[in-house]
Protein backbone atom coordinates (compact mmCIF):
# COMPACT_ATOMS: atom_id res chain seq x y z
CA UNK A 1 -17.21 -43.58 -20.72
CA UNK A 2 -19.50 -42.42 -17.72
CA UNK A 3 -17.95 -42.16 -14.42
CA UNK A 4 -19.85 -43.12 -10.95
CA UNK A 5 -17.80 -40.87 -8.12
CA UNK A 6 -17.69 -42.41 -4.79
CA UNK A 7 -15.61 -40.48 -2.05
CA UNK A 8 -14.12 -42.26 0.76
CA UNK A 9 -13.07 -40.65 4.07
CA UNK A 10 -14.57 -37.60 3.48
CA UNK A 11 -16.54 -36.99 6.68
CA UNK A 12 -14.94 -39.48 8.95
CA UNK A 13 -12.67 -42.54 8.72
CA UNK A 14 -14.25 -45.24 6.59
CA UNK A 15 -17.03 -42.49 5.40
CA UNK A 16 -18.55 -43.47 1.82
CA UNK A 17 -20.28 -40.61 -0.01
CA UNK A 18 -21.86 -41.89 -3.23
CA UNK A 19 -25.26 -40.75 -5.21
CA UNK A 20 -28.40 -42.68 -4.56
CA UNK A 21 -28.71 -43.21 -8.33
CA UNK A 22 -26.67 -43.88 -11.22
CA UNK A 23 -27.71 -44.55 -14.97
CA UNK A 24 -25.50 -45.41 -17.82
CA UNK A 25 -26.02 -46.96 -21.51
CA UNK A 26 -22.62 -48.78 -21.85
CA UNK A 27 -19.58 -49.81 -19.64
CA UNK A 28 -18.54 -47.27 -17.08
CA UNK A 29 -16.09 -46.58 -14.46
CA UNK A 30 -16.24 -46.34 -10.66
CA UNK A 31 -13.89 -43.49 -9.40
CA UNK A 32 -13.07 -44.20 -5.85
CA UNK A 33 -11.36 -40.74 -4.43
CA UNK A 34 -9.96 -41.32 -0.96
CA UNK A 35 -9.83 -37.93 0.85
CA UNK A 36 -8.04 -39.50 3.98
CA UNK A 37 -5.85 -42.52 5.23
CA UNK A 38 -5.49 -45.51 2.75
CA UNK A 39 -8.36 -48.09 2.91
CA UNK A 40 -9.43 -51.20 1.27
CA UNK A 41 -12.98 -51.05 -0.60
CA UNK A 42 -15.04 -53.87 -1.40
CA UNK A 43 -17.31 -53.54 -4.53
CA UNK A 44 -20.34 -56.10 -5.20
CA UNK A 45 -22.98 -56.10 -8.07
CA UNK A 46 -26.18 -57.87 -6.68
CA UNK A 47 -27.83 -60.58 -9.24
CA UNK A 48 -29.63 -58.34 -11.44
CA UNK A 49 -26.76 -55.98 -12.25
CA UNK A 50 -24.33 -59.07 -12.15
CA UNK A 51 -26.21 -60.85 -15.53
CA UNK A 52 -25.08 -57.75 -17.51
CA UNK A 53 -22.07 -56.27 -15.93
CA UNK A 54 -18.98 -57.44 -14.11
CA UNK A 55 -16.18 -55.84 -12.35
CA UNK A 56 -13.01 -57.94 -12.82
CA UNK A 57 -11.51 -57.33 -9.25
CA UNK A 58 -13.59 -56.71 -6.41
CA UNK A 59 -11.04 -55.77 -3.60
CA UNK A 60 -9.23 -52.45 -3.97
CA UNK A 61 -6.56 -50.55 -1.90
CA UNK A 62 -6.98 -46.62 -2.24
CA UNK A 63 -3.86 -45.23 -0.75
CA UNK A 64 -3.78 -41.70 1.15
CA UNK A 65 -5.51 -38.88 -0.92
CA UNK A 66 -5.69 -41.20 -3.93
CA UNK A 67 -7.99 -41.82 -6.73
CA UNK A 68 -8.47 -44.99 -8.06
CA UNK A 69 -10.64 -46.20 -11.29
CA UNK A 70 -12.39 -49.53 -11.55
CA UNK A 71 -13.68 -50.19 -14.88
CA UNK A 72 -16.95 -51.94 -14.97
CA UNK A 73 -17.78 -53.92 -18.07
CA UNK A 74 -21.34 -54.12 -19.34
CA UNK A 75 -23.21 -55.91 -22.24
CA UNK A 76 -25.32 -53.99 -24.57
CA UNK A 77 -28.97 -54.63 -22.97
CA UNK A 78 -32.37 -54.47 -24.86
CA UNK A 79 -34.44 -53.37 -22.06
CA UNK A 80 -33.34 -51.32 -18.76
CA UNK A 81 -31.90 -53.43 -16.04
CA UNK A 82 -31.72 -52.04 -12.50
CA UNK A 83 -30.00 -53.36 -9.32
CA UNK A 84 -27.57 -52.13 -6.57
CA UNK A 85 -23.94 -51.74 -6.22
CA UNK A 86 -22.49 -52.13 -2.82
CA UNK A 87 -19.48 -50.36 -1.57
CA UNK A 88 -17.95 -51.27 1.65
CA UNK A 89 -15.05 -50.00 3.44
CA UNK A 90 -13.40 -50.60 6.88
CA UNK A 91 -13.69 -54.46 6.48
CA UNK A 92 -17.55 -54.15 6.61
CA UNK A 93 -17.86 -51.18 9.06
CA UNK A 94 -19.61 -49.00 6.47
CA UNK A 95 -21.85 -49.69 3.57
CA UNK A 96 -23.43 -47.60 1.02
CA UNK A 97 -25.84 -49.00 -1.92
CA UNK A 98 -26.08 -47.16 -5.37
CA UNK A 99 -29.13 -47.88 -7.42
CA UNK A 100 -27.68 -48.48 -10.90
CA UNK A 101 -29.77 -48.49 -14.09
CA UNK A 102 -28.32 -49.84 -17.61
CA UNK A 103 -30.21 -48.64 -20.22
CA UNK A 104 -30.10 -49.60 -23.77
CA UNK A 105 -27.96 -47.48 -26.12
CA UNK A 106 -30.19 -44.91 -27.79
CA UNK A 107 -31.32 -45.83 -31.59
CA UNK A 108 -29.76 -44.06 -34.41
CA UNK A 109 -31.60 -44.24 -37.90
CA UNK A 110 -28.90 -46.46 -40.12
CA UNK A 111 -29.90 -44.42 -43.27
CA UNK A 112 -29.93 -41.09 -41.54
CA UNK A 113 -26.82 -38.84 -41.56
CA UNK A 114 -26.65 -35.70 -40.12
CA UNK A 115 -24.84 -32.85 -41.90
CA UNK A 116 -23.52 -29.62 -40.38
CA UNK A 117 -25.15 -26.70 -42.27
CA UNK A 118 -21.73 -25.23 -42.80
CA UNK A 119 -20.88 -28.03 -45.25
CA UNK A 120 -24.07 -27.93 -46.98
CA UNK A 121 -22.64 -25.27 -49.30
CA UNK A 122 -19.34 -25.14 -50.88
CA UNK A 123 -16.75 -22.78 -49.80
CA UNK A 124 -16.58 -19.60 -51.62
CA UNK A 125 -13.52 -19.18 -53.72
CA UNK A 126 -12.21 -16.51 -55.84
CA UNK A 127 -11.36 -17.72 -59.63
CA UNK A 128 -7.71 -17.70 -60.12
CA UNK A 129 -6.41 -14.73 -62.13
CA UNK A 130 -5.71 -15.11 -65.91
CA UNK A 131 -2.01 -16.32 -67.00
CA UNK A 132 -0.88 -12.91 -68.23
CA UNK A 133 -2.20 -11.36 -64.85
CA UNK A 134 -0.14 -14.01 -63.06
CA UNK A 135 2.85 -13.69 -65.32
CA UNK A 136 2.91 -9.77 -64.66
CA UNK A 137 2.77 -10.26 -60.83
CA UNK A 138 5.74 -12.85 -61.19
CA UNK A 139 7.75 -10.54 -63.20
CA UNK A 140 7.16 -7.72 -60.21
CA UNK A 141 8.19 -10.38 -57.66
CA UNK A 142 11.47 -11.45 -59.99
CA UNK A 143 12.49 -7.58 -59.89
CA UNK A 144 11.66 -7.06 -56.18
CA UNK A 145 13.99 -10.19 -55.41
CA UNK A 146 16.61 -9.08 -57.90
CA UNK A 147 16.15 -11.84 -60.04
CA UNK A 148 16.24 -9.94 -63.46
CA UNK A 149 20.04 -10.01 -63.85
CA UNK A 150 19.68 -13.73 -63.19
CA UNK A 151 16.79 -14.20 -65.77
CA UNK A 152 19.24 -12.35 -68.30
CA UNK A 153 22.24 -14.61 -67.57
CA UNK A 154 20.26 -17.55 -67.90
CA UNK A 155 18.88 -16.62 -71.28
CA UNK A 156 22.18 -15.66 -72.55
CA UNK A 157 23.43 -19.41 -71.27
CA UNK A 158 20.58 -20.94 -73.14
CA UNK A 159 21.43 -19.17 -76.28
CA UNK A 160 24.89 -19.72 -75.83
CA UNK A 161 23.97 -23.61 -75.60
CA UNK A 162 21.81 -23.61 -78.40
CA UNK A 163 24.69 -22.03 -80.76
CA UNK A 164 27.03 -24.56 -79.28
CA UNK A 165 24.67 -27.38 -79.99
CA UNK A 166 24.22 -26.41 -83.67
CA UNK A 167 28.03 -25.76 -84.21
CA UNK A 168 29.32 -29.19 -82.65
CA UNK A 169 27.51 -32.31 -83.52
CA UNK A 170 27.85 -34.48 -80.68
CA UNK A 171 25.07 -36.29 -78.49
CA UNK A 172 27.24 -35.10 -75.30
CA UNK A 173 26.60 -31.40 -76.45
CA UNK A 174 22.96 -31.82 -77.12
CA UNK A 175 22.50 -33.55 -73.51
CA UNK A 176 24.37 -30.56 -71.99
CA UNK A 177 22.11 -28.23 -73.89
CA UNK A 178 18.96 -30.23 -72.31
CA UNK A 179 20.37 -29.91 -68.72
CA UNK A 180 20.92 -26.17 -69.17
CA UNK A 181 17.31 -25.75 -70.67
CA UNK A 182 16.13 -27.60 -67.81
CA UNK A 183 17.90 -25.97 -65.08
CA UNK A 184 17.18 -22.65 -66.60
CA UNK A 185 13.24 -23.40 -67.14
CA UNK A 186 13.13 -24.55 -63.24
CA UNK A 187 14.86 -21.25 -62.29
CA UNK A 188 12.64 -19.12 -64.37
CA UNK A 189 9.44 -20.63 -63.07
CA UNK A 190 10.52 -20.30 -59.23
CA UNK A 191 11.32 -16.43 -59.68
CA UNK A 192 7.76 -15.97 -61.47
CA UNK A 193 5.82 -18.09 -59.31
C-alpha cells in the first residue's frame, strides 16, 4: 500500500509540509507525522476524488511527536482520476493541497506466467548409492557406534526365539517370537541406516 507522507509542525506551529503530487493505483494511507505539539488535522477530498475514494474519519487529533496513519479507500478505476486532497491544521489557519492521481492498475496478461530461470531446470541430484554400498556404510556406522555386540545379541535372541517356537507348539510363543523379530529388525535398521 502506498503512503502519502505529510509533516506537521515541522518548521513552525501548524505548518504543513506535503508533496505537491501523489500518484497511486490502489487504496493508500496518509501518514500524519507530527514534529511538535499536538494538533488537530482536517482532511478533505474534492468532488473528483470523492467519487472514487473516501476517508472514514476526516478530523484527526495527532499527539505530540506522534505519527498517525489514515486509510483512504479507493475503488478500482478504468481511467486516471485527478483531484485535490486538502490538509488543514490550526482550525483553518494553515492549508495545504496535494494533487492526487489515482490510476488504473497495470494490466497483467491472464495467461502469462513469469517463471524464474532458476526453476526452469530441475536441481542436480546425485543418484543414491547402490544397496551394497549403503549396507557397508551402515555396518561401518554400527561399528563406530559400538552396535556390533547389540547386533550379535539380537541375532542370538532371534535364533533362541525360533528354536523355542518350534519346540513349544503354542500361539502365545509364536506371538512372542513375532515381537522379538519386529524389535530386532527395527534395531538393526536403526543401526545400519
